Amino acid sequence: MFVDANGDEANYSSFWKRERSVVESASQTKKSDEKRAEVSVQATEAVNVEVQTSDLLAVDLKLPETVPASLEKFLSYAEPLVSKELQNNVNSHAFDGYDVSWVDELRSVTCLHTLQNTALDEQLQCTGLAWNCVGSVIAIVYGRYDHQDWCTHQGALCTWNVDRQKLDHNKPDFTLETPMCVTSVAFHPTEPNIVAGGYFNGEVVVWNLGADNSEYLVSTSEENSHREPVTQVQWIKDPKSRIIAKYELVSVSGDGKILRWHVAHNRQTLKLLNGYVLLGKNAPAALKLKETENDREVGVSAVSFSLFEPSVFCLGSENGGIFSCSLDRTGLPLADFNLSCELLRLVTSSVEPHQGTVSSVKICPLSGKLLLSCSFDGTARIYSINQGMVTC
């Protein structure tokens, strides 16, 4: 039988837990040997000092009692030369009429010269002008456009050298009277004395202004010439020339023909190389020409050649058309034009026309990709030329 009983306490020690002991200790850094000291700083004192040049009036200038022989020799040699040049300056007229402007011009364009030939008939008009390749001589041709019948006027070719000291604004340096009105003019690209022109009767002429009076006229023959007034003449580079550039002459006219000429200075006539014709069938549909006008010539009023592709050029016509053309275009020749050569078709494309006669066309000389045209309709247009095709 179980009975309650009180026994003694029993303790059992842990086998893994041990009693911890605590030890107190102190640590300290090593004492530094650094020394400190206080130093006062004060700003420096400024001192003003004045500097002045010496008084020239107080300097006593004296000439040497004896003149060196070298100085006398130099003066005897230099004095006549200096005196001569001073006298030349006094007598010179190089700067006569020159007025120094100490104020900048506010206008970007100013009129330097107004040129006219007062000895000519007042009824004559300036029909064309051109600079020579040097840029010093201006050629102006005179004539009239408002003829009702055959031309009975005498025209003129006048030149002024704007670099001359004594420029006479009312009298040209050179005047050549022509048998009829001159309608166009163009200087040679490299020869400053050679100038080409076109007459009202369709004749093309070339003058050598540096030759004697009996030798400066070269003209087309009677059979090889235009039948209407020459509207423009232009020099183009001969595509066959390689090392030395040679040039040919191109003329356009109201008869619709574009003629290429070889200029031989030792002959009295121009040699017709080949020609082209602009027909009504080449005109854009927007002009609405009649079928009976398809085989009729369309008057050419302006021409411009590309500097980058010598065979590419553009035409402007009297009916407002703008045409892209090529000298390399081939095809069946056209006959019955009473010339010594057969005429070819030359139009590659046409664009939206003007509403009036095209007065001028110009291919951009910097890129050859842009064409500028202006017309009697009062508008100017810029076209894009891409691979010979023209778009507005």
Protein backbone atom coordinates (compact mmCIF):
# COMPACT_ATOMS: atom_id res chain seq x y z
CA MET A 1 0.00 0.00 0.00
CA PHE A 2 1.33 3.42 -1.00
CA VAL A 3 2.11 5.93 1.75
CA ASP A 4 3.15 9.69 1.43
CA ALA A 5 6.77 10.29 2.33
CA ASN A 6 9.24 13.29 2.14
CA GLY A 7 12.67 12.52 0.68
CA ASP A 8 15.95 14.52 0.31
CA GLU A 9 16.59 16.86 -2.75
CA ALA A 10 18.54 15.48 -5.69
CA ASN A 11 20.63 17.67 -8.12
CA TYR A 12 21.92 16.68 -11.52
CA SER A 13 24.76 18.75 -13.09
CA SER A 14 24.72 19.66 -16.92
CA PHE A 15 27.30 17.93 -19.06
CA TRP A 16 27.36 20.64 -21.88
CA LYS A 17 26.81 23.96 -20.14
CA ARG A 18 29.75 25.36 -18.33
CA GLU A 19 29.98 28.22 -15.94
CA ARG A 20 31.29 31.51 -17.50
CA SER A 21 33.74 33.80 -15.84
CA VAL A 22 33.94 37.60 -16.48
CA VAL A 23 37.24 39.54 -16.45
CA GLU A 24 37.45 43.36 -16.55
CA SER A 25 40.29 45.05 -18.57
CA ALA A 26 41.00 48.51 -20.09
CA SER A 27 42.90 49.56 -23.31
CA GLN A 28 44.18 52.99 -24.42
CA THR A 29 45.88 54.41 -27.61
CA LYS A 30 49.44 55.34 -27.51
CA LYS A 31 50.05 58.87 -26.46
CA SER A 32 50.71 61.21 -29.41
CA ASP A 33 53.84 63.34 -29.65
CA GLU A 34 52.08 66.14 -31.68
CA LYS A 35 52.78 69.69 -30.63
CA ARG A 36 50.46 72.60 -31.15
CA ALA A 37 51.24 76.28 -31.46
CA GLU A 38 49.19 79.38 -32.26
CA VAL A 39 50.57 81.84 -34.87
CA SER A 40 48.99 85.17 -35.79
CA VAL A 41 48.85 86.38 -39.47
CA GLN A 42 48.54 90.00 -40.55
CA ALA A 43 47.87 91.59 -44.02
CA THR A 44 50.78 93.23 -45.85
CA GLU A 45 50.95 96.95 -46.25
CA ALA A 46 50.29 98.49 -49.73
CA VAL A 47 52.47 101.22 -51.14
CA ASN A 48 51.44 103.49 -54.08
CA VAL A 49 54.13 104.61 -56.52
CA GLU A 50 53.57 107.02 -59.47
CA VAL A 51 55.59 106.74 -62.69
CA GLN A 52 55.74 109.54 -65.26
CA THR A 53 57.62 110.02 -68.52
CA SER A 54 60.28 112.60 -68.58
CA ASP A 55 59.43 116.07 -69.78
CA LEU A 56 60.48 116.43 -73.43
CA LEU A 57 60.74 120.18 -73.12
CA ALA A 58 63.41 119.75 -70.55
CA VAL A 59 65.58 117.68 -72.89
CA ASP A 60 68.19 119.68 -74.68
CA LEU A 61 68.50 118.38 -78.25
CA LYS A 62 71.62 119.28 -80.12
CA LEU A 63 72.87 118.39 -83.57
CA PRO A 64 76.30 116.90 -83.80
CA GLU A 65 79.01 119.38 -84.62
CA THR A 66 80.25 117.20 -87.46
CA VAL A 67 78.10 115.29 -89.97
CA PRO A 68 79.22 111.69 -90.55
CA ALA A 69 80.38 110.98 -94.07
CA SER A 70 78.08 107.95 -94.32
CA LEU A 71 74.99 110.11 -93.64
CA GLU A 72 75.95 112.62 -96.30
CA LYS A 73 76.49 109.81 -98.81
CA PHE A 74 73.08 108.27 -97.98
CA LEU A 75 71.20 111.56 -98.32
CA SER A 76 72.83 112.36 -101.66
CA TYR A 77 71.65 108.97 -102.95
CA ALA A 78 68.15 108.82 -101.40
CA GLU A 79 66.99 112.44 -101.70
CA PRO A 80 66.57 112.49 -105.52
CA LEU A 81 64.58 109.24 -105.45
CA VAL A 82 62.24 110.41 -102.69
CA SER A 83 61.72 113.80 -104.31
CA LYS A 84 60.90 112.16 -107.64
CA GLU A 85 58.25 109.92 -106.09
CA LEU A 86 56.71 112.81 -104.18
CA GLN A 87 56.49 114.81 -107.40
CA ASN A 88 54.85 111.86 -109.17
CA ASN A 89 52.23 111.69 -106.43
CA VAL A 90 51.49 115.38 -106.91
CA ASN A 91 51.01 114.97 -110.68
CA SER A 92 49.09 111.66 -110.48
CA HIS A 93 45.35 111.50 -111.23
CA ALA A 94 44.87 107.99 -109.88
CA PHE A 95 42.49 109.12 -107.15
CA ASP A 96 40.72 111.94 -109.00
CA GLY A 97 37.03 111.85 -108.22
CA TYR A 98 37.50 109.33 -105.42
CA ASP A 99 35.59 110.33 -102.33
CA VAL A 100 36.38 108.48 -99.14
CA SER A 101 33.23 107.41 -97.31
CA TRP A 102 33.78 107.20 -93.58
CA VAL A 103 30.20 106.04 -92.97
CA ASP A 104 29.11 102.49 -93.78
CA GLU A 105 26.50 102.22 -96.53
CA LEU A 106 23.16 101.11 -95.17
CA ARG A 107 21.89 99.92 -98.55
CA SER A 108 23.06 96.59 -99.90
CA VAL A 109 22.69 97.63 -103.58
CA THR A 110 23.94 100.94 -104.97
CA CYS A 111 24.01 102.29 -108.52
CA LEU A 112 27.63 102.76 -109.59
CA HIS A 113 27.20 103.68 -113.27
CA THR A 114 24.41 104.63 -115.65
CA LEU A 115 25.63 103.95 -119.18
CA GLN A 116 24.07 105.19 -122.40
CA ASN A 117 25.14 106.03 -125.94
CA THR A 118 23.72 109.49 -126.56
CA ALA A 119 24.87 109.41 -130.19
CA LEU A 120 22.42 106.63 -131.13
CA ASP A 121 18.88 107.03 -132.34
CA GLU A 122 16.56 107.57 -129.40
CA GLN A 123 14.16 104.98 -130.82
CA LEU A 124 16.66 102.16 -130.29
CA GLN A 125 16.32 100.04 -127.15
CA CYS A 126 18.81 97.97 -125.17
CA THR A 127 18.00 94.43 -126.29
CA GLY A 128 20.80 92.50 -124.54
CA LEU A 129 23.94 92.76 -122.44
CA ALA A 130 26.86 90.55 -121.38
CA TRP A 131 30.07 90.60 -119.29
CA ASN A 132 33.31 89.36 -120.80
CA CYS A 133 35.24 86.56 -119.09
CA VAL A 134 37.61 89.03 -117.39
CA GLY A 135 34.74 90.92 -115.79
CA SER A 136 35.87 94.37 -116.88
CA VAL A 137 34.03 94.95 -120.18
CA ILE A 138 30.27 95.20 -120.67
CA ALA A 139 28.72 94.69 -124.10
CA ILE A 140 25.30 96.19 -124.82
CA VAL A 141 23.40 95.65 -128.07
CA TYR A 142 20.70 97.91 -129.44
CA GLY A 143 17.64 97.27 -131.57
CA ARG A 144 13.86 96.99 -131.43
CA TYR A 145 11.34 94.19 -131.04
CA ASP A 146 8.16 95.91 -132.20
CA HIS A 147 8.67 95.56 -135.96
CA GLN A 148 5.57 95.39 -138.09
CA ASP A 149 7.48 94.36 -141.21
CA TRP A 150 11.10 94.03 -142.34
CA CYS A 151 13.70 95.60 -140.10
CA THR A 152 14.87 98.91 -141.53
CA HIS A 153 16.75 100.12 -138.45
CA GLN A 154 20.47 100.15 -137.92
CA GLY A 155 21.48 98.52 -134.66
CA ALA A 156 24.68 98.79 -132.66
CA LEU A 157 27.10 96.90 -130.43
CA CYS A 158 28.70 99.08 -127.72
CA THR A 159 31.25 98.19 -125.06
CA TRP A 160 32.37 99.95 -121.89
CA ASN A 161 35.43 99.10 -119.78
CA VAL A 162 34.23 99.84 -116.25
CA ASP A 163 37.79 99.58 -114.87
CA ARG A 164 38.99 102.61 -116.81
CA GLN A 165 39.92 105.66 -114.79
CA LYS A 166 38.12 108.04 -117.15
CA LEU A 167 34.86 106.21 -117.81
CA ASP A 168 32.51 108.20 -120.04
CA HIS A 169 28.97 107.21 -119.12
CA ASN A 170 27.51 108.79 -122.26
CA LYS A 171 30.04 107.49 -124.79
CA PRO A 172 31.15 103.85 -125.13
CA ASP A 173 34.78 102.86 -125.61
CA PHE A 174 33.86 100.94 -128.74
CA THR A 175 30.85 101.24 -131.07
CA LEU A 176 30.02 98.97 -133.99
CA GLU A 177 27.08 99.90 -136.18
CA THR A 178 25.17 96.88 -137.49
CA PRO A 179 23.03 96.65 -140.63
CA MET A 180 19.93 95.79 -138.57
CA CYS A 181 18.68 95.39 -135.01
CA VAL A 182 20.71 93.13 -132.72
CA THR A 183 18.51 90.93 -130.52
CA SER A 184 21.00 88.91 -128.42
CA VAL A 185 24.65 88.92 -127.32
CA ALA A 186 27.08 86.61 -125.45
CA PHE A 187 30.83 86.83 -124.74
CA HIS A 188 33.13 83.84 -125.26
CA PRO A 189 33.79 81.94 -121.97
CA THR A 190 37.61 82.17 -122.22
CA GLU A 191 38.47 84.72 -124.94
CA PRO A 192 37.58 88.25 -123.76
CA ASN A 193 37.61 89.79 -127.27
CA ILE A 194 35.24 87.28 -128.91
CA VAL A 195 31.54 88.09 -128.73
CA ALA A 196 28.56 86.49 -130.51
CA GLY A 197 25.27 88.06 -131.42
CA GLY A 198 22.01 87.46 -133.25
CA TYR A 199 20.18 89.69 -135.70
CA PHE A 200 16.49 90.36 -136.15
CA ASN A 201 16.55 88.59 -139.55
CA GLY A 202 17.83 85.33 -137.98
CA GLU A 203 21.50 85.72 -138.83
CA VAL A 204 24.14 84.71 -136.25
CA VAL A 205 27.37 86.73 -136.12
CA VAL A 206 30.67 86.54 -134.21
CA TRP A 207 32.90 89.56 -133.73
CA ASN A 208 36.57 89.72 -132.79
CA LEU A 209 36.81 93.08 -131.05
CA GLY A 210 40.61 92.91 -130.92
CA ALA A 211 41.13 92.66 -134.69
CA ASP A 212 41.09 95.25 -137.48
CA ASN A 213 37.78 96.62 -138.67
CA SER A 214 37.89 94.53 -141.84
CA GLU A 215 38.39 91.25 -139.98
CA TYR A 216 36.12 91.20 -136.95
CA LEU A 217 32.93 89.91 -138.60
CA VAL A 218 32.13 86.19 -139.01
CA SER A 219 28.56 85.31 -139.90
CA THR A 220 26.27 82.52 -140.99
CA SER A 221 25.63 81.88 -144.64
CA GLU A 222 22.35 82.93 -146.18
CA GLU A 223 21.11 79.34 -146.60
CA ASN A 224 22.07 78.24 -143.08
CA SER A 225 20.36 80.70 -140.79
CA HIS A 226 17.20 81.17 -138.81
CA ARG A 227 14.05 82.51 -140.43
CA GLU A 228 12.93 84.47 -137.38
CA PRO A 229 14.73 86.79 -134.92
CA VAL A 230 17.45 85.13 -132.86
CA THR A 231 16.17 85.15 -129.27
CA GLN A 232 19.38 83.92 -127.58
CA VAL A 233 22.94 82.80 -128.31
CA GLN A 234 25.00 80.75 -125.85
CA TRP A 235 28.50 79.23 -125.88
CA ILE A 236 28.76 75.58 -124.85
CA LYS A 237 31.76 73.33 -124.34
CA ASP A 238 32.55 70.96 -127.18
CA PRO A 239 31.90 67.45 -125.76
CA LYS A 240 34.75 66.08 -127.90
CA SER A 241 37.40 68.38 -126.39
CA ARG A 242 39.47 66.81 -123.64
CA ILE A 243 42.67 68.55 -122.52
CA ILE A 244 42.11 71.97 -124.10
CA ALA A 245 38.51 73.15 -123.81
CA LYS A 246 36.94 74.13 -127.12
CA TYR A 247 33.59 75.82 -127.44
CA GLU A 248 30.67 75.77 -129.85
CA LEU A 249 27.91 78.29 -130.34
CA VAL A 250 24.20 77.51 -129.94
CA SER A 251 21.47 79.79 -131.24
CA VAL A 252 17.69 79.63 -130.73
CA SER A 253 15.02 81.53 -132.56
CA GLY A 254 11.34 82.18 -132.97
CA ASP A 255 11.33 79.72 -135.86
CA GLY A 256 11.59 76.83 -133.36
CA LYS A 257 15.09 75.75 -134.37
CA ILE A 258 18.09 75.14 -132.12
CA LEU A 259 21.30 75.26 -134.20
CA ARG A 260 24.88 74.32 -133.22
CA TRP A 261 27.75 76.18 -134.89
CA HIS A 262 31.48 75.62 -135.15
CA VAL A 263 33.42 78.89 -134.99
CA ALA A 264 36.54 78.90 -137.16
CA HIS A 265 38.42 82.18 -136.77
CA ASN A 266 40.23 81.74 -140.09
CA ARG A 267 36.96 81.51 -142.07
CA GLN A 268 34.35 84.10 -142.87
CA THR A 269 31.35 81.84 -142.19
CA LEU A 270 30.12 79.72 -139.33
CA LYS A 271 29.89 75.98 -139.97
CA LEU A 272 26.53 74.44 -139.10
CA LEU A 273 27.14 71.18 -137.19
CA ASN A 274 23.60 69.98 -136.55
CA GLY A 275 20.23 71.23 -135.47
CA TYR A 276 17.03 70.43 -133.64
CA VAL A 277 13.46 71.64 -133.87
CA LEU A 278 10.66 72.14 -131.35
CA LEU A 279 7.25 71.10 -132.70
CA GLY A 280 3.72 71.55 -131.44
CA LYS A 281 3.43 67.82 -130.71
CA ASN A 282 6.09 68.28 -128.02
CA ALA A 283 3.96 70.78 -126.11
CA PRO A 284 2.21 69.63 -122.91
CA ALA A 285 -1.47 68.78 -123.08
CA ALA A 286 -2.29 71.73 -120.84
CA LEU A 287 -1.67 74.10 -123.77
CA LYS A 288 -4.51 72.41 -125.70
CA LEU A 289 -3.04 72.82 -129.16
CA LYS A 290 -5.04 71.78 -132.19
CA GLU A 291 -4.07 68.69 -134.14
CA THR A 292 -3.23 70.87 -137.13
CA GLU A 293 -0.54 72.54 -135.00
CA ASN A 294 1.29 69.34 -134.05
CA ASP A 295 3.69 69.54 -136.98
CA ARG A 296 4.26 73.30 -136.74
CA GLU A 297 7.33 74.83 -135.19
CA VAL A 298 7.01 76.41 -131.74
CA GLY A 299 9.06 79.55 -131.21
CA VAL A 300 11.92 79.17 -128.72
CA SER A 301 12.38 82.19 -126.45
CA ALA A 302 15.09 81.02 -123.98
CA VAL A 303 17.68 78.27 -123.49
CA SER A 304 19.97 77.16 -120.64
CA PHE A 305 22.60 74.38 -120.59
CA SER A 306 23.70 72.40 -117.55
CA LEU A 307 27.29 72.83 -116.39
CA PHE A 308 27.34 69.30 -114.95
CA GLU A 309 25.80 67.42 -117.90
CA PRO A 310 26.75 69.33 -121.09
CA SER A 311 24.25 67.40 -123.19
CA VAL A 312 21.28 68.36 -120.98
CA PHE A 313 19.54 71.69 -121.43
CA CYS A 314 16.13 73.29 -121.00
CA LEU A 315 14.03 75.41 -123.33
CA GLY A 316 11.37 78.04 -122.81
CA SER A 317 8.88 78.69 -125.60
CA GLU A 318 6.69 81.51 -126.82
CA ASN A 319 3.52 79.61 -125.87
CA GLY A 320 4.70 79.21 -122.25
CA GLY A 321 6.05 75.66 -122.43
CA ILE A 322 9.06 74.42 -120.42
CA PHE A 323 10.96 71.51 -121.99
CA SER A 324 13.81 69.26 -120.90
CA CYS A 325 16.05 68.32 -123.83
CA SER A 326 19.18 66.33 -124.64
CA LEU A 327 21.75 66.63 -127.40
CA ASP A 328 22.22 62.85 -127.22
CA ARG A 329 18.64 62.12 -128.22
CA THR A 330 18.42 60.04 -131.39
CA GLY A 331 15.60 59.32 -133.79
CA LEU A 332 14.44 59.75 -137.34
CA PRO A 333 15.54 63.13 -138.76
CA LEU A 334 13.01 65.70 -139.87
CA ALA A 335 13.25 67.09 -143.39
CA ASP A 336 11.94 70.06 -145.39
CA PHE A 337 13.58 72.81 -143.36
CA ASN A 338 15.85 74.20 -146.12
CA LEU A 339 19.10 73.70 -144.20
CA SER A 340 22.33 71.92 -145.06
CA CYS A 341 21.76 69.43 -142.21
CA GLU A 342 18.83 67.38 -141.02
CA LEU A 343 17.01 68.42 -137.87
CA LEU A 344 16.36 66.04 -134.98
CA ARG A 345 13.81 65.86 -132.19
CA LEU A 346 15.32 66.78 -128.85
CA VAL A 347 12.55 66.94 -126.19
CA THR A 348 12.69 64.33 -123.43
CA SER A 349 9.93 65.73 -121.20
CA SER A 350 7.74 68.77 -120.56
CA VAL A 351 6.07 70.21 -117.48
CA GLU A 352 3.15 72.41 -116.52
CA PRO A 353 3.48 75.50 -118.73
CA HIS A 354 3.33 79.18 -117.95
CA GLN A 355 0.36 81.27 -119.05
CA GLY A 356 2.55 83.56 -121.15
CA THR A 357 5.77 83.64 -123.14
CA VAL A 358 8.76 82.36 -121.18
CA SER A 359 11.22 85.25 -121.01
CA SER A 360 14.15 83.40 -119.39
CA VAL A 361 15.24 80.00 -118.08
CA LYS A 362 18.35 79.22 -116.04
CA ILE A 363 19.71 75.90 -114.73
CA CYS A 364 21.35 76.28 -111.31
CA PRO A 365 25.15 76.54 -111.82
CA LEU A 366 25.91 75.05 -108.37
CA SER A 367 24.06 71.75 -108.52
CA GLY A 368 22.42 71.40 -111.90
CA LYS A 369 19.33 69.98 -110.15
CA LEU A 370 17.18 73.12 -110.17
CA LEU A 371 15.67 75.15 -113.01
CA LEU A 372 14.42 78.71 -112.63
CA SER A 373 12.01 80.22 -115.15
CA CYS A 374 10.08 83.47 -115.48
CA SER A 375 7.32 84.47 -117.85
CA PHE A 376 5.18 87.29 -119.17
CA ASP A 377 2.43 85.99 -116.89
CA GLY A 378 4.23 87.65 -113.97
CA THR A 379 5.36 84.45 -112.24
CA ALA A 380 8.70 82.80 -111.58
CA ARG A 381 8.92 79.05 -110.98
CA ILE A 382 11.54 76.67 -109.62
CA TYR A 383 11.62 73.16 -111.10
CA SER A 384 13.49 70.06 -109.98
CA ILE A 385 15.63 68.22 -112.56
CA ASN A 386 16.05 64.50 -111.85
CA GLN A 387 17.79 62.30 -114.44
CA GLY A 388 16.82 64.67 -117.20
CA MET A 389 13.16 64.85 -116.08
CA VAL A 390 11.77 68.21 -114.93
CA THR A 391 9.06 68.53 -112.27
CA CYS A 392 7.60 71.69 -110.73
